[in-house]
Amino acid sequence: MDDYSFLNIPDSCFIGSTIYKKLFYENANLSSSDKYLFTDIINKIVWLYCLKPETINIPAYKDEVREYPEIEVIEVIVNKDYGLNRIAEIIMRTIPYPMLLIFKLEDKRRFYVAHQRTSQSDSSKNTVEEFISTDWLESDSALFSKLDIKQMRFTNFYTLYSDIVDAISVYNLSTIMPMDDTITGTEARELTAKIEDIEQKIISLRSKLKKETQFNCKMELNIEIKRLEQSKNKLLGGDNE
């Protein structure tokens, strides 16, 4: 529990129990490759904390789009850095609550979050929205101090979880560009998405460039790559020359 003191979650929320892989085998409709990930990559899954009205003085939230009766904090101890996005997706889709999902590899940690909304076709199920994750973080990462829940809104579980998602979104952007404290989580996610979209286009064009044989087409591709790189530099606040 001391490993996560930076979250500042009250002891009343501590669970510390193992979530057995059998839960996912029986409920997640796993493919053979998914089962391989769970058996080969995961050492242990731990339900660290459960934040609910009975354990912390925060009310549940419900509207016509989403229902957040509680927030889970779950740790996945892994033995290698492989298939984590897929593992995160399976866990978040199988356990229908908003969660802070933490992968732990030796002394490093990686965080996953995603808002959820009630499925329109089946109200008993949740639809997971955009997955947001960090890179692997060392123990001195600047993000940890930003995840102190006592600094966040306790209006209800939706506002608290939104603040967690925003803190991670802003941190992710701060690792690639300088910025001030006024940027919101929404702005950070939008800017990150634009940068990632440009990067994917550049990768695609460079792949085409390698295969292109005609000089004129090579020139056109190079010009487009240069234009995209300038657009990216402009977003990052760097020199766009």
C-alpha atoms as a PDB file:
ATOM      1  CA  MET A   1       0.000   0.000   0.000  1.00  0.00           C
ATOM      2  CA  ASP A   2       2.917   2.372   0.731  1.00  0.00           C
ATOM      3  CA  ASP A   3       3.880   2.151  -2.945  1.00  0.00           C
ATOM      4  CA  TYR A   4       0.799   4.241  -3.748  1.00  0.00           C
ATOM      5  CA  SER A   5       0.880   6.780  -0.938  1.00  0.00           C
ATOM      6  CA  PHE A   6       1.233   9.492  -3.618  1.00  0.00           C
ATOM      7  CA  LEU A   7      -2.423   8.893  -4.536  1.00  0.00           C
ATOM      8  CA  ASN A   8      -3.405   9.974  -1.006  1.00  0.00           C
ATOM      9  CA  ILE A   9      -6.344   7.553  -0.964  1.00  0.00           C
ATOM     10  CA  PRO A  10      -7.708   6.914   2.576  1.00  0.00           C
ATOM     11  CA  ASP A  11      -6.963   3.538   4.185  1.00  0.00           C
ATOM     12  CA  SER A  12     -10.724   2.990   4.370  1.00  0.00           C
ATOM     13  CA  CYS A  13     -10.679   2.394   0.593  1.00  0.00           C
ATOM     14  CA  PHE A  14      -7.885  -0.198   0.683  1.00  0.00           C
ATOM     15  CA  ILE A  15      -8.772  -3.702  -0.560  1.00  0.00           C
ATOM     16  CA  GLY A  16      -5.471  -5.382  -1.435  1.00  0.00           C
ATOM     17  CA  SER A  17      -6.995  -8.612  -2.717  1.00  0.00           C
ATOM     18  CA  THR A  18      -6.001 -10.714  -5.734  1.00  0.00           C
ATOM     19  CA  ILE A  19      -8.204 -10.707  -8.832  1.00  0.00           C
ATOM     20  CA  TYR A  20      -7.799 -14.163 -10.314  1.00  0.00           C
ATOM     21  CA  LYS A  21      -7.285 -14.592 -14.036  1.00  0.00           C
ATOM     22  CA  LYS A  22     -10.213 -17.034 -14.016  1.00  0.00           C
ATOM     23  CA  LEU A  23     -12.540 -13.994 -13.873  1.00  0.00           C
ATOM     24  CA  PHE A  24     -11.364 -12.912 -17.319  1.00  0.00           C
ATOM     25  CA  TYR A  25     -11.232 -16.429 -18.763  1.00  0.00           C
ATOM     26  CA  GLU A  26     -14.900 -16.904 -17.840  1.00  0.00           C
ATOM     27  CA  ASN A  27     -16.281 -13.458 -18.641  1.00  0.00           C
ATOM     28  CA  ALA A  28     -14.154 -11.808 -21.326  1.00  0.00           C
ATOM     29  CA  ASN A  29     -14.542 -14.170 -24.294  1.00  0.00           C
ATOM     30  CA  LEU A  30     -10.769 -14.337 -24.724  1.00  0.00           C
ATOM     31  CA  SER A  31      -9.061 -15.575 -27.857  1.00  0.00           C
ATOM     32  CA  SER A  32      -6.139 -17.981 -27.600  1.00  0.00           C
ATOM     33  CA  SER A  33      -3.719 -15.070 -28.070  1.00  0.00           C
ATOM     34  CA  ASP A  34      -5.491 -13.129 -25.293  1.00  0.00           C
ATOM     35  CA  LYS A  35      -5.173 -16.097 -22.941  1.00  0.00           C
ATOM     36  CA  TYR A  36      -1.489 -16.282 -23.810  1.00  0.00           C
ATOM     37  CA  LEU A  37      -1.067 -12.641 -22.747  1.00  0.00           C
ATOM     38  CA  PHE A  38      -2.742 -13.294 -19.404  1.00  0.00           C
ATOM     39  CA  THR A  39      -0.770 -16.461 -18.665  1.00  0.00           C
ATOM     40  CA  ASP A  40       2.621 -15.408 -20.052  1.00  0.00           C
ATOM     41  CA  ILE A  41       2.787 -11.675 -19.295  1.00  0.00           C
ATOM     42  CA  ILE A  42       0.821 -11.199 -16.062  1.00  0.00           C
ATOM     43  CA  ASN A  43       2.241 -12.318 -12.723  1.00  0.00           C
ATOM     44  CA  LYS A  44      -0.588 -11.000 -10.564  1.00  0.00           C
ATOM     45  CA  ILE A  45      -3.619  -8.685 -10.641  1.00  0.00           C
ATOM     46  CA  VAL A  46      -4.369  -6.810  -7.412  1.00  0.00           C
ATOM     47  CA  TRP A  47      -7.523  -4.878  -6.535  1.00  0.00           C
ATOM     48  CA  LEU A  48      -5.772  -2.118  -4.594  1.00  0.00           C
ATOM     49  CA  TYR A  49      -8.540   0.343  -3.750  1.00  0.00           C
ATOM     50  CA  CYS A  50     -12.274   0.746  -4.107  1.00  0.00           C
ATOM     51  CA  LEU A  51     -13.530   4.302  -3.789  1.00  0.00           C
ATOM     52  CA  LYS A  52     -17.274   4.287  -3.096  1.00  0.00           C
ATOM     53  CA  PRO A  53     -19.606   6.376  -0.913  1.00  0.00           C
ATOM     54  CA  GLU A  54     -19.238   3.897   1.962  1.00  0.00           C
ATOM     55  CA  THR A  55     -15.433   4.215   2.015  1.00  0.00           C
ATOM     56  CA  ILE A  56     -14.851   7.854   1.050  1.00  0.00           C
ATOM     57  CA  ASN A  57     -17.090  10.881   1.364  1.00  0.00           C
ATOM     58  CA  ILE A  58     -17.837  11.257  -2.349  1.00  0.00           C
ATOM     59  CA  PRO A  59     -21.305  10.739  -3.893  1.00  0.00           C
ATOM     60  CA  ALA A  60     -21.988   8.422  -6.820  1.00  0.00           C
ATOM     61  CA  TYR A  61     -22.835   9.958 -10.204  1.00  0.00           C
ATOM     62  CA  LYS A  62     -25.470   9.082 -12.761  1.00  0.00           C
ATOM     63  CA  ASP A  63     -26.947  10.796 -15.809  1.00  0.00           C
ATOM     64  CA  GLU A  64     -28.430   9.640 -19.102  1.00  0.00           C
ATOM     65  CA  VAL A  65     -24.954   8.922 -20.519  1.00  0.00           C
ATOM     66  CA  ARG A  66     -22.912   7.378 -17.722  1.00  0.00           C
ATOM     67  CA  GLU A  67     -23.093   5.908 -14.235  1.00  0.00           C
ATOM     68  CA  TYR A  68     -20.122   6.098 -11.849  1.00  0.00           C
ATOM     69  CA  PRO A  69     -21.082   4.441  -8.546  1.00  0.00           C
ATOM     70  CA  GLU A  70     -17.421   3.914  -7.576  1.00  0.00           C
ATOM     71  CA  ILE A  71     -13.819   4.063  -8.846  1.00  0.00           C
ATOM     72  CA  GLU A  72     -11.400   1.129  -8.813  1.00  0.00           C
ATOM     73  CA  VAL A  73      -7.618   1.216  -8.568  1.00  0.00           C
ATOM     74  CA  ILE A  74      -6.146  -1.993  -9.972  1.00  0.00           C
ATOM     75  CA  GLU A  75      -2.496  -3.021 -10.233  1.00  0.00           C
ATOM     76  CA  VAL A  76      -1.239  -5.520 -12.821  1.00  0.00           C
ATOM     77  CA  ILE A  77       2.226  -6.885 -12.060  1.00  0.00           C
ATOM     78  CA  VAL A  78       3.849  -7.997 -15.320  1.00  0.00           C
ATOM     79  CA  ASN A  79       7.123  -9.693 -16.192  1.00  0.00           C
ATOM     80  CA  LYS A  80       7.664  -8.082 -19.592  1.00  0.00           C
ATOM     81  CA  ASP A  81       6.591  -5.069 -21.641  1.00  0.00           C
ATOM     82  CA  TYR A  82       4.372  -6.753 -24.193  1.00  0.00           C
ATOM     83  CA  GLY A  83       0.679  -6.618 -25.136  1.00  0.00           C
ATOM     84  CA  LEU A  84      -0.204  -4.113 -22.438  1.00  0.00           C
ATOM     85  CA  ASN A  85      -2.702  -2.151 -24.521  1.00  0.00           C
ATOM     86  CA  ARG A  86      -4.679  -5.322 -25.212  1.00  0.00           C
ATOM     87  CA  ILE A  87      -4.503  -6.445 -21.581  1.00  0.00           C
ATOM     88  CA  ALA A  88      -5.719  -3.012 -20.446  1.00  0.00           C
ATOM     89  CA  GLU A  89      -8.603  -3.133 -22.907  1.00  0.00           C
ATOM     90  CA  ILE A  90      -9.707  -6.580 -21.688  1.00  0.00           C
ATOM     91  CA  ILE A  91      -9.561  -5.608 -18.014  1.00  0.00           C
ATOM     92  CA  MET A  92     -11.390  -2.306 -18.513  1.00  0.00           C
ATOM     93  CA  ARG A  93     -14.108  -3.901 -20.615  1.00  0.00           C
ATOM     94  CA  THR A  94     -14.602  -6.818 -18.223  1.00  0.00           C
ATOM     95  CA  ILE A  95     -14.769  -4.814 -14.985  1.00  0.00           C
ATOM     96  CA  PRO A  96     -17.523  -2.250 -15.665  1.00  0.00           C
ATOM     97  CA  TYR A  97     -16.334   0.601 -13.457  1.00  0.00           C
ATOM     98  CA  PRO A  98     -14.099   3.604 -14.112  1.00  0.00           C
ATOM     99  CA  MET A  99     -10.617   2.638 -13.006  1.00  0.00           C
ATOM    100  CA  LEU A 100      -7.056   3.750 -12.610  1.00  0.00           C
ATOM    101  CA  LEU A 101      -5.212   0.766 -14.054  1.00  0.00           C
ATOM    102  CA  ILE A 102      -1.552   0.537 -13.095  1.00  0.00           C
ATOM    103  CA  PHE A 103       0.931  -1.801 -14.756  1.00  0.00           C
ATOM    104  CA  LYS A 104       4.012  -2.502 -12.682  1.00  0.00           C
ATOM    105  CA  LEU A 105       7.264  -3.865 -14.153  1.00  0.00           C
ATOM    106  CA  GLU A 106      10.030  -4.049 -11.545  1.00  0.00           C
ATOM    107  CA  ASP A 107      10.266  -0.463 -10.203  1.00  0.00           C
ATOM    108  CA  LYS A 108       8.487   1.208 -13.119  1.00  0.00           C
ATOM    109  CA  ARG A 109       4.790   1.952 -13.518  1.00  0.00           C
ATOM    110  CA  ARG A 110       2.502   2.727 -16.415  1.00  0.00           C
ATOM    111  CA  PHE A 111      -1.014   4.169 -16.013  1.00  0.00           C
ATOM    112  CA  TYR A 112      -4.163   3.598 -18.051  1.00  0.00           C
ATOM    113  CA  VAL A 113      -7.483   5.437 -17.757  1.00  0.00           C
ATOM    114  CA  ALA A 114     -10.645   5.632 -19.861  1.00  0.00           C
ATOM    115  CA  HIS A 115     -14.048   7.170 -19.306  1.00  0.00           C
ATOM    116  CA  GLN A 116     -17.027   4.849 -19.659  1.00  0.00           C
ATOM    117  CA  ARG A 117     -20.600   5.386 -20.734  1.00  0.00           C
ATOM    118  CA  THR A 118     -23.684   3.219 -20.469  1.00  0.00           C
ATOM    119  CA  SER A 119     -24.223   1.086 -23.567  1.00  0.00           C
ATOM    120  CA  GLN A 120     -27.252   2.256 -25.532  1.00  0.00           C
ATOM    121  CA  SER A 121     -28.022  -1.293 -26.677  1.00  0.00           C
ATOM    122  CA  ASP A 122     -27.594  -2.926 -23.248  1.00  0.00           C
ATOM    123  CA  SER A 123     -27.919  -0.784 -20.129  1.00  0.00           C
ATOM    124  CA  SER A 124     -26.211  -3.492 -18.043  1.00  0.00           C
ATOM    125  CA  LYS A 125     -22.975  -2.983 -19.996  1.00  0.00           C
ATOM    126  CA  ASN A 126     -20.564  -0.108 -20.328  1.00  0.00           C
ATOM    127  CA  THR A 127     -18.832   1.221 -23.421  1.00  0.00           C
ATOM    128  CA  VAL A 128     -15.202   2.193 -22.842  1.00  0.00           C
ATOM    129  CA  GLU A 129     -14.288   5.503 -24.444  1.00  0.00           C
ATOM    130  CA  GLU A 130     -10.804   6.715 -25.432  1.00  0.00           C
ATOM    131  CA  PHE A 131      -7.933   4.851 -23.756  1.00  0.00           C
ATOM    132  CA  ILE A 132      -5.264   7.156 -22.359  1.00  0.00           C
ATOM    133  CA  SER A 133      -1.955   5.798 -21.111  1.00  0.00           C
ATOM    134  CA  THR A 134       1.444   6.999 -19.974  1.00  0.00           C
ATOM    135  CA  ASP A 135       4.841   5.649 -20.921  1.00  0.00           C
ATOM    136  CA  TRP A 136       6.767   3.711 -18.273  1.00  0.00           C
ATOM    137  CA  LEU A 137       7.469   6.007 -15.344  1.00  0.00           C
ATOM    138  CA  GLU A 138      10.352   5.923 -12.880  1.00  0.00           C
ATOM    139  CA  SER A 139       9.741   6.417  -9.169  1.00  0.00           C
ATOM    140  CA  ASP A 140      10.623  10.118  -9.372  1.00  0.00           C
ATOM    141  CA  SER A 141       8.118  10.965 -12.128  1.00  0.00           C
ATOM    142  CA  ALA A 142       6.525  14.414 -11.933  1.00  0.00           C
ATOM    143  CA  LEU A 143       3.123  12.824 -12.585  1.00  0.00           C
ATOM    144  CA  PHE A 144       2.877  11.201  -9.161  1.00  0.00           C
ATOM    145  CA  SER A 145       2.384  14.481  -7.303  1.00  0.00           C
ATOM    146  CA  LYS A 146      -0.376  15.392  -9.793  1.00  0.00           C
ATOM    147  CA  LEU A 147      -2.335  12.238  -8.888  1.00  0.00           C
ATOM    148  CA  ASP A 148      -2.922  13.226  -5.260  1.00  0.00           C
ATOM    149  CA  ILE A 149      -6.715  12.884  -5.085  1.00  0.00           C
ATOM    150  CA  LYS A 150      -6.878  15.378  -2.214  1.00  0.00           C
ATOM    151  CA  GLN A 151      -6.020  18.038  -4.832  1.00  0.00           C
ATOM    152  CA  MET A 152      -8.991  17.003  -6.967  1.00  0.00           C
ATOM    153  CA  ARG A 153     -12.706  17.661  -6.936  1.00  0.00           C
ATOM    154  CA  PHE A 154     -14.814  15.516  -4.607  1.00  0.00           C
ATOM    155  CA  THR A 155     -18.100  16.734  -6.130  1.00  0.00           C
ATOM    156  CA  ASN A 156     -18.858  13.192  -7.279  1.00  0.00           C
ATOM    157  CA  PHE A 157     -17.030  10.215  -8.779  1.00  0.00           C
ATOM    158  CA  TYR A 158     -17.358  11.562 -12.311  1.00  0.00           C
ATOM    159  CA  THR A 159     -15.606  14.848 -11.479  1.00  0.00           C
ATOM    160  CA  LEU A 160     -12.916  13.024  -9.480  1.00  0.00           C
ATOM    161  CA  TYR A 161     -12.250  10.561 -12.279  1.00  0.00           C
ATOM    162  CA  SER A 162     -12.268  13.388 -14.837  1.00  0.00           C
ATOM    163  CA  ASP A 163      -9.559  15.130 -12.811  1.00  0.00           C
ATOM    164  CA  ILE A 164      -7.468  11.930 -12.811  1.00  0.00           C
ATOM    165  CA  VAL A 165      -7.876  11.592 -16.594  1.00  0.00           C
ATOM    166  CA  ASP A 166      -7.039  15.271 -17.097  1.00  0.00           C
ATOM    167  CA  ALA A 167      -3.918  15.070 -14.918  1.00  0.00           C
ATOM    168  CA  ILE A 168      -2.580  12.189 -17.013  1.00  0.00           C
ATOM    169  CA  SER A 169      -3.556  13.909 -20.293  1.00  0.00           C
ATOM    170  CA  VAL A 170      -1.761  17.121 -19.364  1.00  0.00           C
ATOM    171  CA  TYR A 171       1.290  15.208 -18.129  1.00  0.00           C
ATOM    172  CA  ASN A 172       1.520  13.251 -21.391  1.00  0.00           C
ATOM    173  CA  LEU A 173       1.521  16.457 -23.409  1.00  0.00           C
ATOM    174  CA  SER A 174       4.103  18.042 -21.105  1.00  0.00           C
ATOM    175  CA  THR A 175       6.576  15.281 -22.022  1.00  0.00           C
ATOM    176  CA  ILE A 176       6.678  16.407 -25.663  1.00  0.00           C
ATOM    177  CA  MET A 177       6.267  20.186 -25.504  1.00  0.00           C
ATOM    178  CA  PRO A 178       6.614  23.144 -23.135  1.00  0.00           C
ATOM    179  CA  MET A 179       3.338  24.506 -21.796  1.00  0.00           C
ATOM    180  CA  ASP A 180       1.836  26.564 -19.007  1.00  0.00           C
ATOM    181  CA  ASP A 181      -0.518  25.562 -16.200  1.00  0.00           C
ATOM    182  CA  THR A 182      -3.605  26.978 -17.892  1.00  0.00           C
ATOM    183  CA  ILE A 183      -4.103  24.170 -20.409  1.00  0.00           C
ATOM    184  CA  THR A 184      -7.096  21.948 -19.704  1.00  0.00           C
ATOM    185  CA  GLY A 185      -7.275  18.175 -19.983  1.00  0.00           C
ATOM    186  CA  THR A 186      -9.563  18.475 -23.001  1.00  0.00           C
ATOM    187  CA  GLU A 187      -7.165  20.848 -24.761  1.00  0.00           C
ATOM    188  CA  ALA A 188      -4.247  18.537 -23.970  1.00  0.00           C
ATOM    189  CA  ARG A 189      -6.051  15.517 -25.437  1.00  0.00           C
ATOM    190  CA  GLU A 190      -7.050  17.427 -28.575  1.00  0.00           C
ATOM    191  CA  LEU A 191      -3.518  18.711 -29.141  1.00  0.00           C
ATOM    192  CA  THR A 192      -1.997  15.289 -28.484  1.00  0.00           C
ATOM    193  CA  ALA A 193      -4.423  13.723 -30.983  1.00  0.00           C
ATOM    194  CA  LYS A 194      -3.479  16.282 -33.658  1.00  0.00           C
ATOM    195  CA  ILE A 195       0.229  15.635 -33.133  1.00  0.00           C
ATOM    196  CA  GLU A 196      -0.254  11.850 -33.244  1.00  0.00           C
ATOM    197  CA  ASP A 197      -2.329  12.159 -36.429  1.00  0.00           C
ATOM    198  CA  ILE A 198       0.425  14.148 -38.145  1.00  0.00           C
ATOM    199  CA  GLU A 199       3.049  11.645 -36.982  1.00  0.00           C
ATOM    200  CA  GLN A 200       1.054   8.743 -38.438  1.00  0.00           C
ATOM    201  CA  LYS A 201       0.715  10.572 -41.766  1.00  0.00           C
ATOM    202  CA  ILE A 202       4.477  11.201 -41.858  1.00  0.00           C
ATOM    203  CA  ILE A 203       5.176   7.514 -41.153  1.00  0.00           C
ATOM    204  CA  SER A 204       2.801   6.503 -43.955  1.00  0.00           C
ATOM    205  CA  LEU A 205       4.373   8.926 -46.440  1.00  0.00           C
ATOM    206  CA  ARG A 206       7.906   7.809 -45.571  1.00  0.00           C
ATOM    207  CA  SER A 207       6.848   4.238 -46.205  1.00  0.00           C
ATOM    208  CA  LYS A 208       5.534   5.244 -49.643  1.00  0.00           C
ATOM    209  CA  LEU A 209       8.721   7.198 -50.321  1.00  0.00           C
ATOM    210  CA  LYS A 210      10.865   4.089 -49.810  1.00  0.00           C
ATOM    211  CA  LYS A 211       8.879   2.215 -52.458  1.00  0.00           C
ATOM    212  CA  GLU A 212       8.551   5.074 -54.951  1.00  0.00           C
ATOM    213  CA  THR A 213      10.791   4.941 -58.014  1.00  0.00           C
ATOM    214  CA  GLN A 214       9.718   8.007 -59.988  1.00  0.00           C
ATOM    215  CA  PHE A 215      11.682  11.156 -59.231  1.00  0.00           C
ATOM    216  CA  ASN A 216       8.718  13.546 -59.529  1.00  0.00           C
ATOM    217  CA  CYS A 217       6.626  11.469 -57.123  1.00  0.00           C
ATOM    218  CA  LYS A 218       9.525  11.327 -54.679  1.00  0.00           C
ATOM    219  CA  MET A 219       9.762  15.110 -54.785  1.00  0.00           C
ATOM    220  CA  GLU A 220       6.030  15.481 -54.089  1.00  0.00           C
ATOM    221  CA  LEU A 221       6.215  13.085 -51.160  1.00  0.00           C
ATOM    222  CA  ASN A 222       9.241  14.876 -49.703  1.00  0.00           C
ATOM    223  CA  ILE A 223       7.476  18.226 -49.970  1.00  0.00           C
ATOM    224  CA  GLU A 224       4.375  16.842 -48.207  1.00  0.00           C
ATOM    225  CA  ILE A 225       6.497  15.289 -45.447  1.00  0.00           C
ATOM    226  CA  LYS A 226       8.262  18.612 -44.957  1.00  0.00           C
ATOM    227  CA  ARG A 227       4.916  20.428 -44.764  1.00  0.00           C
ATOM    228  CA  LEU A 228       3.616  17.997 -42.145  1.00  0.00           C
ATOM    229  CA  GLU A 229       6.809  18.308 -40.113  1.00  0.00           C
ATOM    230  CA  GLN A 230       6.420  22.089 -40.140  1.00  0.00           C
ATOM    231  CA  SER A 231       2.801  21.736 -38.980  1.00  0.00           C
ATOM    232  CA  LYS A 232       3.907  19.449 -36.166  1.00  0.00           C
ATOM    233  CA  ASN A 233       6.682  21.851 -35.097  1.00  0.00           C
ATOM    234  CA  LYS A 234       4.181  24.704 -35.076  1.00  0.00           C
ATOM    235  CA  LEU A 235       1.865  22.718 -32.763  1.00  0.00           C
ATOM    236  CA  LEU A 236       4.809  21.890 -30.521  1.00  0.00           C
ATOM    237  CA  GLY A 237       5.700  25.571 -30.326  1.00  0.00           C
ATOM    238  CA  GLY A 238       9.032  25.113 -32.040  1.00  0.00           C
ATOM    239  CA  ASP A 239      10.638  26.671 -35.069  1.00  0.00           C
ATOM    240  CA  ASN A 240       8.413  26.035 -38.077  1.00  0.00           C
ATOM    241  CA  GLU A 241      11.035  26.902 -40.638  1.00  0.00           C
END
